[in-house]
């Protein structure tokens, strides 16, 4: 890739920002997928209601 020297640092910065954004979106997506939307209690087969991230109620 032939880039003029005065634009080389801007190109490197833009690539780093883009790479960081892709990693951030991927981590957010993985975090959203790991949370159950309707958690089911297998013992009673009831749907538990999640109020907060750290605790759930039946």
PDB file of N, CA and C in Angstrom:
ATOM      1  N   UNK A   1       0.857  -1.169   0.000  1.00  0.00           N
ATOM      2  CA  UNK A   1       0.000   0.000   0.000  1.00  0.00           C
ATOM      3  C   UNK A   1       0.907   1.237   0.000  1.00  0.00           C
ATOM      4  N   UNK A   2       0.748   2.059  -0.998  1.00  0.00           N
ATOM      5  CA  UNK A   2       1.585   3.245  -1.151  1.00  0.00           C
ATOM      6  C   UNK A   2       0.855   4.454  -0.568  1.00  0.00           C
ATOM      7  N   UNK A   3       1.300   4.903   0.607  1.00  0.00           N
ATOM      8  CA  UNK A   3       0.673   6.027   1.304  1.00  0.00           C
ATOM      9  C   UNK A   3       1.716   7.117   1.482  1.00  0.00           C
ATOM     10  N   UNK A   4       1.299   8.335   1.262  1.00  0.00           N
ATOM     11  CA  UNK A   4       2.231   9.447   1.455  1.00  0.00           C
ATOM     12  C   UNK A   4       2.634   9.521   2.925  1.00  0.00           C
ATOM     13  N   UNK A   5       3.887   9.878   3.197  1.00  0.00           N
ATOM     14  CA  UNK A   5       4.380   9.863   4.593  1.00  0.00           C
ATOM     15  C   UNK A   5       3.568  10.736   5.545  1.00  0.00           C
ATOM     16  N   UNK A   6       3.034  11.846   5.079  1.00  0.00           N
ATOM     17  CA  UNK A   6       2.304  12.715   6.015  1.00  0.00           C
ATOM     18  C   UNK A   6       0.949  12.133   6.409  1.00  0.00           C
ATOM     19  N   UNK A   7       0.439  11.172   5.642  1.00  0.00           N
ATOM     20  CA  UNK A   7      -0.841  10.542   5.971  1.00  0.00           C
ATOM     21  C   UNK A   7      -0.668   9.181   6.635  1.00  0.00           C
ATOM     22  N   UNK A   8       0.561   8.714   6.752  1.00  0.00           N
ATOM     23  CA  UNK A   8       0.802   7.369   7.273  1.00  0.00           C
ATOM     24  C   UNK A   8       0.359   7.248   8.733  1.00  0.00           C
ATOM     25  N   UNK A   9       0.654   8.241   9.572  1.00  0.00           N
ATOM     26  CA  UNK A   9       0.260   8.154  10.984  1.00  0.00           C
ATOM     27  C   UNK A   9      -1.259   8.194  11.130  1.00  0.00           C
ATOM     28  N   UNK A  10      -1.932   8.978  10.293  1.00  0.00           N
ATOM     29  CA  UNK A  10      -3.397   9.016  10.343  1.00  0.00           C
ATOM     30  C   UNK A  10      -3.990   7.682   9.917  1.00  0.00           C
ATOM     31  N   UNK A  11      -3.382   7.057   8.929  1.00  0.00           N
ATOM     32  CA  UNK A  11      -3.864   5.755   8.481  1.00  0.00           C
ATOM     33  C   UNK A  11      -3.694   4.706   9.577  1.00  0.00           C
ATOM     34  N   UNK A  12      -2.553   4.716  10.244  1.00  0.00           N
ATOM     35  CA  UNK A  12      -2.313   3.764  11.331  1.00  0.00           C
ATOM     36  C   UNK A  12      -3.305   3.998  12.468  1.00  0.00           C
ATOM     37  N   UNK A  13      -3.548   5.249  12.811  1.00  0.00           N
ATOM     38  CA  UNK A  13      -4.509   5.561  13.871  1.00  0.00           C
ATOM     39  C   UNK A  13      -5.918   5.111  13.482  1.00  0.00           C
ATOM     40  N   UNK A  14      -6.307   5.355  12.238  1.00  0.00           N
ATOM     41  CA  UNK A  14      -7.636   4.940  11.778  1.00  0.00           C
ATOM     42  C   UNK A  14      -7.777   3.419  11.801  1.00  0.00           C
ATOM     43  N   UNK A  15      -6.728   2.707  11.414  1.00  0.00           N
ATOM     44  CA  UNK A  15      -6.780   1.243  11.458  1.00  0.00           C
ATOM     45  C   UNK A  15      -6.883   0.728  12.887  1.00  0.00           C
ATOM     46  N   UNK A  16      -6.157   1.347  13.808  1.00  0.00           N
ATOM     47  CA  UNK A  16      -6.239   0.930  15.213  1.00  0.00           C
ATOM     48  C   UNK A  16      -7.624   1.192  15.801  1.00  0.00           C
ATOM     49  N   UNK A  17      -8.194   2.352  15.482  1.00  0.00           N
ATOM     50  CA  UNK A  17      -9.537   2.672  15.980  1.00  0.00           C
ATOM     51  C   UNK A  17     -10.560   1.700  15.396  1.00  0.00           C
ATOM     52  N   UNK A  18     -10.450   1.416  14.109  1.00  0.00           N
ATOM     53  CA  UNK A  18     -11.370   0.472  13.475  1.00  0.00           C
ATOM     54  C   UNK A  18     -11.246  -0.921  14.059  1.00  0.00           C
ATOM     55  N   UNK A  19     -10.008  -1.358  14.285  1.00  0.00           N
ATOM     56  CA  UNK A  19      -9.778  -2.678  14.869  1.00  0.00           C
ATOM     57  C   UNK A  19     -10.346  -2.743  16.289  1.00  0.00           C
ATOM     58  N   UNK A  20     -10.155  -1.688  17.067  1.00  0.00           N
ATOM     59  CA  UNK A  20     -10.707  -1.645  18.423  1.00  0.00           C
ATOM     60  C   UNK A  20     -12.223  -1.645  18.423  1.00  0.00           C
ATOM     61  N   UNK A  21     -12.820  -0.956  17.452  1.00  0.00           N
ATOM     62  CA  UNK A  21     -14.284  -0.935  17.364  1.00  0.00           C
ATOM     63  C   UNK A  21     -14.826  -2.319  17.034  1.00  0.00           C
ATOM     64  N   UNK A  22     -14.167  -3.023  16.130  1.00  0.00           N
ATOM     65  CA  UNK A  22     -14.608  -4.375  15.777  1.00  0.00           C
ATOM     66  C   UNK A  22     -14.510  -5.298  16.985  1.00  0.00           C
ATOM     67  N   UNK A  23     -13.421  -5.208  17.727  1.00  0.00           N
ATOM     68  CA  UNK A  23     -13.263  -6.044  18.928  1.00  0.00           C
ATOM     69  C   UNK A  23     -14.315  -5.681  19.977  1.00  0.00           C
ATOM     70  N   UNK A  24     -14.582  -4.380  20.163  1.00  0.00           N
ATOM     71  CA  UNK A  24     -15.585  -3.956  21.134  1.00  0.00           C
ATOM     72  C   UNK A  24     -16.977  -4.435  20.781  1.00  0.00           C
ATOM     73  N   UNK A  25     -17.341  -4.343  19.510  1.00  0.00           N
ATOM     74  CA  UNK A  25     -18.661  -4.809  19.073  1.00  0.00           C
ATOM     75  C   UNK A  25     -18.763  -6.320  19.235  1.00  0.00           C
ATOM     76  N   UNK A  26     -17.694  -7.038  18.892  1.00  0.00           N
ATOM     77  CA  UNK A  26     -17.702  -8.493  19.040  1.00  0.00           C
ATOM     78  C   UNK A  26     -17.862  -8.898  20.500  1.00  0.00           C
ATOM     79  N   UNK A  27     -17.151  -8.228  21.416  1.00  0.00           N
ATOM     80  CA  UNK A  27     -17.264  -8.559  22.845  1.00  0.00           C
ATOM     81  C   UNK A  27     -18.648  -8.220  23.381  1.00  0.00           C
ATOM     82  N   UNK A  28     -19.227  -7.102  22.946  1.00  0.00           N
ATOM     83  CA  UNK A  28     -20.581  -6.744  23.365  1.00  0.00           C
ATOM     84  C   UNK A  28     -21.585  -7.775  22.865  1.00  0.00           C
ATOM     85  N   UNK A  29     -21.431  -8.206  21.616  1.00  0.00           N
ATOM     86  CA  UNK A  29     -22.324  -9.205  21.038  1.00  0.00           C
ATOM     87  C   UNK A  29     -22.231 -10.525  21.792  1.00  0.00           C
ATOM     88  N   UNK A  30     -21.020 -10.948  22.140  1.00  0.00           N
ATOM     89  CA  UNK A  30     -20.847 -12.179  22.901  1.00  0.00           C
ATOM     90  C   UNK A  30     -21.454 -12.050  24.295  1.00  0.00           C
ATOM     91  N   UNK A  31     -21.353 -10.863  24.895  1.00  0.00           N
ATOM     92  CA  UNK A  31     -21.917 -10.634  26.227  1.00  0.00           C
ATOM     93  C   UNK A  31     -23.438 -10.700  26.184  1.00  0.00           C
ATOM     94  N   UNK A  32     -24.039 -10.154  25.134  1.00  0.00           N
ATOM     95  CA  UNK A  32     -25.497 -10.185  25.002  1.00  0.00           C
ATOM     96  C   UNK A  32     -25.974 -11.613  24.772  1.00  0.00           C
ATOM     97  N   UNK A  33     -25.241 -12.381  23.966  1.00  0.00           N
ATOM     98  CA  UNK A  33     -25.653 -13.753  23.682  1.00  0.00           C
ATOM     99  C   UNK A  33     -25.548 -14.659  24.901  1.00  0.00           C
ATOM    100  N   UNK A  34     -24.664 -14.346  25.838  1.00  0.00           N
ATOM    101  CA  UNK A  34     -24.470 -15.231  26.985  1.00  0.00           C
ATOM    102  C   UNK A  34     -25.547 -15.058  28.048  1.00  0.00           C
ATOM    103  N   UNK A  35     -26.347 -14.002  27.977  1.00  0.00           N
ATOM    104  CA  UNK A  35     -27.391 -13.778  28.981  1.00  0.00           C
ATOM    105  C   UNK A  35     -28.702 -14.441  28.533  1.00  0.00           C
ATOM    106  N   UNK A  36     -29.318 -15.219  29.401  1.00  0.00           N
ATOM    107  CA  UNK A  36     -30.584 -15.843  29.029  1.00  0.00           C
ATOM    108  C   UNK A  36     -31.711 -14.817  28.989  1.00  0.00           C
ATOM    109  N   UNK A  37     -32.549 -14.911  27.978  1.00  0.00           N
ATOM    110  CA  UNK A  37     -33.681 -13.989  27.868  1.00  0.00           C
ATOM    111  C   UNK A  37     -34.826 -14.476  28.756  1.00  0.00           C
ATOM    112  N   UNK A  38     -35.189 -15.750  28.632  1.00  0.00           N
ATOM    113  CA  UNK A  38     -36.207 -16.354  29.476  1.00  0.00           C
ATOM    114  C   UNK A  38     -35.592 -17.568  30.160  1.00  0.00           C
ATOM    115  N   UNK A  39     -34.925 -17.362  31.296  1.00  0.00           N
ATOM    116  CA  UNK A  39     -34.308 -18.514  31.965  1.00  0.00           C
ATOM    117  C   UNK A  39     -35.361 -19.462  32.528  1.00  0.00           C
ATOM    118  N   UNK A  40     -35.184 -20.739  32.274  1.00  0.00           N
ATOM    119  CA  UNK A  40     -36.146 -21.751  32.721  1.00  0.00           C
ATOM    120  C   UNK A  40     -35.517 -22.552  33.860  1.00  0.00           C
ATOM    121  N   UNK A  41     -36.251 -22.639  34.971  1.00  0.00           N
ATOM    122  CA  UNK A  41     -35.819 -23.475  36.088  1.00  0.00           C
ATOM    123  C   UNK A  41     -36.182 -24.914  35.748  1.00  0.00           C
ATOM    124  N   UNK A  42     -35.187 -25.758  35.556  1.00  0.00           N
ATOM    125  CA  UNK A  42     -35.442 -27.129  35.097  1.00  0.00           C
ATOM    126  C   UNK A  42     -36.117 -27.983  36.174  1.00  0.00           C
ATOM    127  N   UNK A  43     -35.968 -27.606  37.431  1.00  0.00           N
ATOM    128  CA  UNK A  43     -36.589 -28.394  38.486  1.00  0.00           C
ATOM    129  C   UNK A  43     -38.105 -28.276  38.481  1.00  0.00           C
ATOM    130  N   UNK A  44     -38.619 -27.081  38.311  1.00  0.00           N
ATOM    131  CA  UNK A  44     -40.066 -26.865  38.339  1.00  0.00           C
ATOM    132  C   UNK A  44     -40.632 -26.530  36.966  1.00  0.00           C
ATOM    133  N   UNK A  45     -39.756 -26.384  35.967  1.00  0.00           N
ATOM    134  CA  UNK A  45     -40.152 -26.010  34.606  1.00  0.00           C
ATOM    135  C   UNK A  45     -40.955 -24.710  34.586  1.00  0.00           C
ATOM    136  N   UNK A  46     -40.513 -23.748  35.397  1.00  0.00           N
ATOM    137  CA  UNK A  46     -41.136 -22.434  35.384  1.00  0.00           C
ATOM    138  C   UNK A  46     -40.151 -21.425  34.816  1.00  0.00           C
ATOM    139  N   UNK A  47     -40.689 -20.382  34.242  1.00  0.00           N
ATOM    140  CA  UNK A  47     -39.846 -19.319  33.703  1.00  0.00           C
ATOM    141  C   UNK A  47     -39.548 -18.341  34.827  1.00  0.00           C
ATOM    142  N   UNK A  48     -38.273 -18.104  35.082  1.00  0.00           N
ATOM    143  CA  UNK A  48     -37.889 -17.167  36.131  1.00  0.00           C
ATOM    144  C   UNK A  48     -37.775 -15.771  35.545  1.00  0.00           C
ATOM    145  N   UNK A  49     -38.180 -14.790  36.329  1.00  0.00           N
ATOM    146  CA  UNK A  49     -38.134 -13.397  35.890  1.00  0.00           C
ATOM    147  C   UNK A  49     -36.842 -12.775  36.402  1.00  0.00           C
ATOM    148  N   UNK A  50     -36.046 -12.223  35.497  1.00  0.00           N
ATOM    149  CA  UNK A  50     -34.768 -11.631  35.862  1.00  0.00           C
ATOM    150  C   UNK A  50     -34.975 -10.139  36.095  1.00  0.00           C
ATOM    151  N   UNK A  51     -34.772  -9.696  37.357  1.00  0.00           N
ATOM    152  CA  UNK A  51     -34.912  -8.283  37.681  1.00  0.00           C
ATOM    153  C   UNK A  51     -33.619  -7.529  37.433  1.00  0.00           C
ATOM    154  N   UNK A  52     -32.532  -8.078  37.904  1.00  0.00           N
ATOM    155  CA  UNK A  52     -31.228  -7.444  37.752  1.00  0.00           C
ATOM    156  C   UNK A  52     -30.267  -8.465  37.188  1.00  0.00           C
ATOM    157  N   UNK A  53     -29.065  -8.008  36.901  1.00  0.00           N
ATOM    158  CA  UNK A  53     -28.080  -8.908  36.321  1.00  0.00           C
ATOM    159  C   UNK A  53     -27.595  -9.952  37.314  1.00  0.00           C
ATOM    160  N   UNK A  54     -27.596  -9.617  38.620  1.00  0.00           N
ATOM    161  CA  UNK A  54     -26.990 -10.525  39.575  1.00  0.00           C
ATOM    162  C   UNK A  54     -27.984 -11.433  40.294  1.00  0.00           C
ATOM    163  N   UNK A  55     -29.288 -11.127  40.284  1.00  0.00           N
ATOM    164  CA  UNK A  55     -30.223 -12.008  40.975  1.00  0.00           C
ATOM    165  C   UNK A  55     -31.486 -12.199  40.139  1.00  0.00           C
ATOM    166  N   UNK A  56     -32.153 -13.326  40.376  1.00  0.00           N
ATOM    167  CA  UNK A  56     -33.391 -13.613  39.653  1.00  0.00           C
ATOM    168  C   UNK A  56     -34.429 -14.114  40.645  1.00  0.00           C
ATOM    169  N   UNK A  57     -35.681 -13.876  40.320  1.00  0.00           N
ATOM    170  CA  UNK A  57     -36.781 -14.299  41.173  1.00  0.00           C
ATOM    171  C   UNK A  57     -37.663 -15.266  40.402  1.00  0.00           C
ATOM    172  N   UNK A  58     -38.362 -16.108  41.160  1.00  0.00           N
ATOM    173  CA  UNK A  58     -39.290 -17.057  40.540  1.00  0.00           C
ATOM    174  C   UNK A  58     -40.639 -16.404  40.456  1.00  0.00           C
TER     175      UNK A  58
END
